[in-house]
C-alpha atoms as a PDB file:
ATOM      1  CA  UNK A   1      13.470  -1.315   8.046  1.00  0.00           C
ATOM      2  CA  UNK A   2       9.602  -1.517   7.063  1.00  0.00           C
ATOM      3  CA  UNK A   3       7.246  -3.657   9.564  1.00  0.00           C
ATOM      4  CA  UNK A   4       3.976  -4.961   7.588  1.00  0.00           C
ATOM      5  CA  UNK A   5       0.549  -4.796   9.386  1.00  0.00           C
ATOM      6  CA  UNK A   6      -2.598  -6.484   7.356  1.00  0.00           C
ATOM      7  CA  UNK A   7      -5.571  -5.470   9.009  1.00  0.00           C
ATOM      8  CA  UNK A   8      -9.442  -6.984   8.310  1.00  0.00           C
ATOM      9  CA  UNK A   9     -12.181  -5.316   7.879  1.00  0.00           C
ATOM     10  CA  UNK A  10     -15.779  -6.169   8.027  1.00  0.00           C
ATOM     11  CA  UNK A  11     -16.701  -4.550   4.803  1.00  0.00           C
ATOM     12  CA  UNK A  12     -14.486  -2.912   1.429  1.00  0.00           C
ATOM     13  CA  UNK A  13     -15.708   0.519   2.727  1.00  0.00           C
ATOM     14  CA  UNK A  14     -14.626   0.460   6.008  1.00  0.00           C
ATOM     15  CA  UNK A  15     -11.085  -1.248   4.921  1.00  0.00           C
ATOM     16  CA  UNK A  16     -11.023   2.089   1.952  1.00  0.00           C
ATOM     17  CA  UNK A  17     -12.031   4.568   4.808  1.00  0.00           C
ATOM     18  CA  UNK A  18      -8.835   3.481   6.540  1.00  0.00           C
ATOM     19  CA  UNK A  19      -6.367   3.982   3.152  1.00  0.00           C
ATOM     20  CA  UNK A  20      -7.954   7.521   3.403  1.00  0.00           C
ATOM     21  CA  UNK A  21      -7.566   8.060   6.481  1.00  0.00           C
ATOM     22  CA  UNK A  22      -4.039   6.605   6.061  1.00  0.00           C
ATOM     23  CA  UNK A  23      -3.234   9.334   3.196  1.00  0.00           C
ATOM     24  CA  UNK A  24      -4.070  12.061   6.321  1.00  0.00           C
ATOM     25  CA  UNK A  25      -2.114  10.720   9.207  1.00  0.00           C
ATOM     26  CA  UNK A  26       0.340  10.813   6.153  1.00  0.00           C
ATOM     27  CA  UNK A  27      -0.026  14.581   5.459  1.00  0.00           C
ATOM     28  CA  UNK A  28      -0.260  14.870   9.483  1.00  0.00           C
ATOM     29  CA  UNK A  29       3.331  13.235   9.489  1.00  0.00           C
ATOM     30  CA  UNK A  30       1.834  10.295  11.872  1.00  0.00           C
ATOM     31  CA  UNK A  31       2.312   7.908   9.485  1.00  0.00           C
ATOM     32  CA  UNK A  32       4.770   6.775   7.013  1.00  0.00           C
ATOM     33  CA  UNK A  33       3.995   4.431   4.346  1.00  0.00           C
ATOM     34  CA  UNK A  34       6.274   2.348   1.812  1.00  0.00           C
ATOM     35  CA  UNK A  35       3.543   0.739   0.308  1.00  0.00           C
ATOM     36  CA  UNK A  36      -0.023   0.311   0.655  1.00  0.00           C
ATOM     37  CA  UNK A  37      -2.930  -2.130  -0.732  1.00  0.00           C
ATOM     38  CA  UNK A  38      -6.102  -3.023  -0.146  1.00  0.00           C
ATOM     39  CA  UNK A  39      -7.784  -6.465  -0.889  1.00  0.00           C
ATOM     40  CA  UNK A  40     -11.519  -7.723  -0.746  1.00  0.00           C
ATOM     41  CA  UNK A  41     -13.436 -10.662  -1.527  1.00  0.00           C
ATOM     42  CA  UNK A  42     -17.059  -9.831  -3.375  1.00  0.00           C
ATOM     43  CA  UNK A  43     -19.969 -11.928  -1.882  1.00  0.00           C
ATOM     44  CA  UNK A  44     -19.427 -14.325  -5.376  1.00  0.00           C
ATOM     45  CA  UNK A  45     -15.882 -14.689  -3.707  1.00  0.00           C
ATOM     46  CA  UNK A  46     -14.189 -12.906  -6.546  1.00  0.00           C
ATOM     47  CA  UNK A  47     -10.990 -11.411  -4.901  1.00  0.00           C
ATOM     48  CA  UNK A  48     -10.394  -7.991  -5.862  1.00  0.00           C
ATOM     49  CA  UNK A  49      -6.702  -6.198  -5.486  1.00  0.00           C
ATOM     50  CA  UNK A  50      -6.101  -2.565  -5.759  1.00  0.00           C
ATOM     51  CA  UNK A  51      -2.255  -1.564  -4.778  1.00  0.00           C
ATOM     52  CA  UNK A  52      -1.280   2.336  -3.906  1.00  0.00           C
ATOM     53  CA  UNK A  53       2.030   2.099  -5.460  1.00  0.00           C
ATOM     54  CA  UNK A  54       1.680   1.862  -9.410  1.00  0.00           C
ATOM     55  CA  UNK A  55       5.512   1.087 -10.104  1.00  0.00           C
ATOM     56  CA  UNK A  56       4.971   0.703 -13.628  1.00  0.00           C
ATOM     57  CA  UNK A  57       3.301   4.757 -13.913  1.00  0.00           C
ATOM     58  CA  UNK A  58       6.360   5.885 -11.395  1.00  0.00           C
ATOM     59  CA  UNK A  59       9.085   4.294 -13.702  1.00  0.00           C
ATOM     60  CA  UNK A  60       7.568   6.168 -16.674  1.00  0.00           C
ATOM     61  CA  UNK A  61       7.286   9.793 -15.059  1.00  0.00           C
ATOM     62  CA  UNK A  62      10.922   9.085 -13.967  1.00  0.00           C
ATOM     63  CA  UNK A  63      11.909   7.570 -17.320  1.00  0.00           C
ATOM     64  CA  UNK A  64       9.885  10.509 -19.362  1.00  0.00           C
ATOM     65  CA  UNK A  65      12.071  13.255 -17.249  1.00  0.00           C
ATOM     66  CA  UNK A  66      15.508  12.026 -17.656  1.00  0.00           C
ATOM     67  CA  UNK A  67      14.630  11.076 -21.172  1.00  0.00           C
ATOM     68  CA  UNK A  68      13.936  14.475 -21.663  1.00  0.00           C
ATOM     69  CA  UNK A  69      16.900  15.895 -20.067  1.00  0.00           C
ATOM     70  CA  UNK A  70      19.094  13.276 -22.188  1.00  0.00           C
ATOM     71  CA  UNK A  71      17.005  14.422 -25.026  1.00  0.00           C
ATOM     72  CA  UNK A  72      17.717  17.861 -24.736  1.00  0.00           C
ATOM     73  CA  UNK A  73      21.398  17.117 -24.576  1.00  0.00           C
ATOM     74  CA  UNK A  74      21.064  15.479 -28.031  1.00  0.00           C
ATOM     75  CA  UNK A  75      18.358  17.977 -29.340  1.00  0.00           C
ATOM     76  CA  UNK A  76      15.414  15.412 -29.842  1.00  0.00           C
ATOM     77  CA  UNK A  77      13.736  16.097 -26.474  1.00  0.00           C
ATOM     78  CA  UNK A  78      10.288  14.705 -27.346  1.00  0.00           C
ATOM     79  CA  UNK A  79      12.074  11.160 -28.866  1.00  0.00           C
ATOM     80  CA  UNK A  80      13.736  11.256 -25.403  1.00  0.00           C
ATOM     81  CA  UNK A  81      11.237  11.467 -23.738  1.00  0.00           C
ATOM     82  CA  UNK A  82       9.423   8.654 -25.292  1.00  0.00           C
ATOM     83  CA  UNK A  83      12.045   6.611 -25.013  1.00  0.00           C
ATOM     84  CA  UNK A  84      12.935   7.279 -21.440  1.00  0.00           C
ATOM     85  CA  UNK A  85       8.678   6.893 -20.368  1.00  0.00           C
ATOM     86  CA  UNK A  86       8.782   3.563 -22.274  1.00  0.00           C
ATOM     87  CA  UNK A  87      12.137   2.289 -20.938  1.00  0.00           C
ATOM     88  CA  UNK A  88      10.652   4.096 -17.494  1.00  0.00           C
ATOM     89  CA  UNK A  89       7.877   1.795 -17.889  1.00  0.00           C
ATOM     90  CA  UNK A  90       9.260  -1.543 -18.477  1.00  0.00           C
ATOM     91  CA  UNK A  91      11.767  -0.808 -15.431  1.00  0.00           C
ATOM     92  CA  UNK A  92       8.575  -0.178 -13.203  1.00  0.00           C
ATOM     93  CA  UNK A  93       6.803  -3.040 -14.745  1.00  0.00           C
ATOM     94  CA  UNK A  94       9.884  -5.071 -13.902  1.00  0.00           C
ATOM     95  CA  UNK A  95      10.333  -4.540 -10.551  1.00  0.00           C
ATOM     96  CA  UNK A  96       8.536  -5.928  -7.610  1.00  0.00           C
ATOM     97  CA  UNK A  97       8.975  -2.841  -4.927  1.00  0.00           C
ATOM     98  CA  UNK A  98       6.787  -2.636  -1.225  1.00  0.00           C
ATOM     99  CA  UNK A  99       4.247  -5.439  -0.583  1.00  0.00           C
ATOM    100  CA  UNK A 100       4.704  -8.422  -2.290  1.00  0.00           C
ATOM    101  CA  UNK A 101       2.370  -9.438  -5.297  1.00  0.00           C
ATOM    102  CA  UNK A 102       1.987 -13.212  -4.270  1.00  0.00           C
ATOM    103  CA  UNK A 103       1.152 -12.703  -0.242  1.00  0.00           C
ATOM    104  CA  UNK A 104      -1.605  -9.661  -0.693  1.00  0.00           C
ATOM    105  CA  UNK A 105      -3.370 -12.404  -2.888  1.00  0.00           C
ATOM    106  CA  UNK A 106      -2.323 -15.143  -0.709  1.00  0.00           C
ATOM    107  CA  UNK A 107      -4.456 -13.449   2.300  1.00  0.00           C
ATOM    108  CA  UNK A 108      -6.983 -12.441   0.166  1.00  0.00           C
ATOM    109  CA  UNK A 109      -8.153 -15.578  -0.727  1.00  0.00           C
ATOM    110  CA  UNK A 110      -8.501 -16.426   3.165  1.00  0.00           C
ATOM    111  CA  UNK A 111     -10.987 -13.834   3.144  1.00  0.00           C
ATOM    112  CA  UNK A 112     -14.353 -14.447   3.810  1.00  0.00           C
ATOM    113  CA  UNK A 113     -16.962 -13.085   1.234  1.00  0.00           C
ATOM    114  CA  UNK A 114     -17.616  -9.570   1.734  1.00  0.00           C
ATOM    115  CA  UNK A 115     -14.492  -8.771   3.584  1.00  0.00           C
ATOM    116  CA  UNK A 116     -11.328  -7.042   3.227  1.00  0.00           C
ATOM    117  CA  UNK A 117      -8.340  -6.240   4.199  1.00  0.00           C
ATOM    118  CA  UNK A 118      -5.984  -3.178   4.482  1.00  0.00           C
ATOM    119  CA  UNK A 119      -2.430  -3.720   3.759  1.00  0.00           C
ATOM    120  CA  UNK A 120       0.257  -1.266   5.152  1.00  0.00           C
ATOM    121  CA  UNK A 121       4.379  -1.602   4.986  1.00  0.00           C
ATOM    122  CA  UNK A 122       4.972   0.911   7.825  1.00  0.00           C
ATOM    123  CA  UNK A 123       8.238   2.824   7.790  1.00  0.00           C
ATOM    124  CA  UNK A 124       7.572   4.981  10.715  1.00  0.00           C
ATOM    125  CA  UNK A 125       4.666   5.816  12.521  1.00  0.00           C
ATOM    126  CA  UNK A 126       3.014   7.686  16.223  1.00  0.00           C
ATOM    127  CA  UNK A 127       1.867   4.132  17.155  1.00  0.00           C
ATOM    128  CA  UNK A 128      -0.828   5.968  19.777  1.00  0.00           C
ATOM    129  CA  UNK A 129      -2.358   8.250  17.696  1.00  0.00           C
ATOM    130  CA  UNK A 130      -2.469   5.882  14.498  1.00  0.00           C
ATOM    131  CA  UNK A 131      -4.144   3.387  16.599  1.00  0.00           C
ATOM    132  CA  UNK A 132      -6.453   5.625  18.112  1.00  0.00           C
ATOM    133  CA  UNK A 133      -7.821   7.209  14.944  1.00  0.00           C
ATOM    134  CA  UNK A 134      -8.485   3.404  12.938  1.00  0.00           C
ATOM    135  CA  UNK A 135     -10.180   1.836  16.203  1.00  0.00           C
ATOM    136  CA  UNK A 136     -13.303   2.863  15.461  1.00  0.00           C
ATOM    137  CA  UNK A 137     -13.129   0.794  12.273  1.00  0.00           C
ATOM    138  CA  UNK A 138     -13.206  -2.083  14.256  1.00  0.00           C
ATOM    139  CA  UNK A 139     -10.206  -3.560  12.939  1.00  0.00           C
ATOM    140  CA  UNK A 140      -8.863  -7.233  13.645  1.00  0.00           C
ATOM    141  CA  UNK A 141      -5.156  -8.143  12.871  1.00  0.00           C
ATOM    142  CA  UNK A 142      -5.016 -10.924  10.348  1.00  0.00           C
ATOM    143  CA  UNK A 143      -0.778 -10.999  10.250  1.00  0.00           C
ATOM    144  CA  UNK A 144       2.143  -8.220  10.828  1.00  0.00           C
ATOM    145  CA  UNK A 145       5.844  -9.001  10.957  1.00  0.00           C
ATOM    146  CA  UNK A 146       6.234  -6.999  14.432  1.00  0.00           C
ATOM    147  CA  UNK A 147       7.576  -9.045  17.768  1.00  0.00           C
ATOM    148  CA  UNK A 148       5.133 -10.916  19.599  1.00  0.00           C
ATOM    149  CA  UNK A 149       4.397  -8.503  21.899  1.00  0.00           C
ATOM    150  CA  UNK A 150       4.403  -5.686  19.821  1.00  0.00           C
ATOM    151  CA  UNK A 151       2.061  -7.515  18.361  1.00  0.00           C
ATOM    152  CA  UNK A 152      -0.395  -8.762  21.123  1.00  0.00           C
ATOM    153  CA  UNK A 153      -0.091  -4.689  21.908  1.00  0.00           C
ATOM    154  CA  UNK A 154      -1.651  -3.936  18.805  1.00  0.00           C
ATOM    155  CA  UNK A 155      -4.099  -6.489  19.059  1.00  0.00           C
ATOM    156  CA  UNK A 156      -5.154  -5.122  22.914  1.00  0.00           C
ATOM    157  CA  UNK A 157      -4.581  -1.579  22.083  1.00  0.00           C
ATOM    158  CA  UNK A 158      -7.302  -1.870  18.950  1.00  0.00           C
ATOM    159  CA  UNK A 159      -9.803  -3.562  20.912  1.00  0.00           C
ATOM    160  CA  UNK A 160      -9.193  -1.211  24.089  1.00  0.00           C
ATOM    161  CA  UNK A 161     -12.298   0.932  24.661  1.00  0.00           C
END
């Protein structure tokens, strides 16, 4: 089961840097994310959200692959790829995988202007190494699905040193 962690940052640049760091930690196999998102509020109060997982694009790519394979069976690979891509894109658009979009917007609505938040659905991690890597960005813990004890441990670790 994945754990949800929402970290707050003083600005969008720090939050962007943490998302880049998460990708690097993933390559090192220290962090395995199901999904991630970035939300920020501009100084004029507008809310922006950027998802890292795009189910429409993923569905279209998968659909095109399967459509091509089935199309080859019936000697119409281009038609099969087009139909498969369209079907996959629609299926991807209708599925809400990962972090709930309404939840992201709800939390983003509580951000002060100029601040940002990173949403991470963590499948598994090496907690001490991940916390050590994130600590220089001075995150605040906005919300988690962790137990109270584990959340308190996370808060203490991010503010240590």
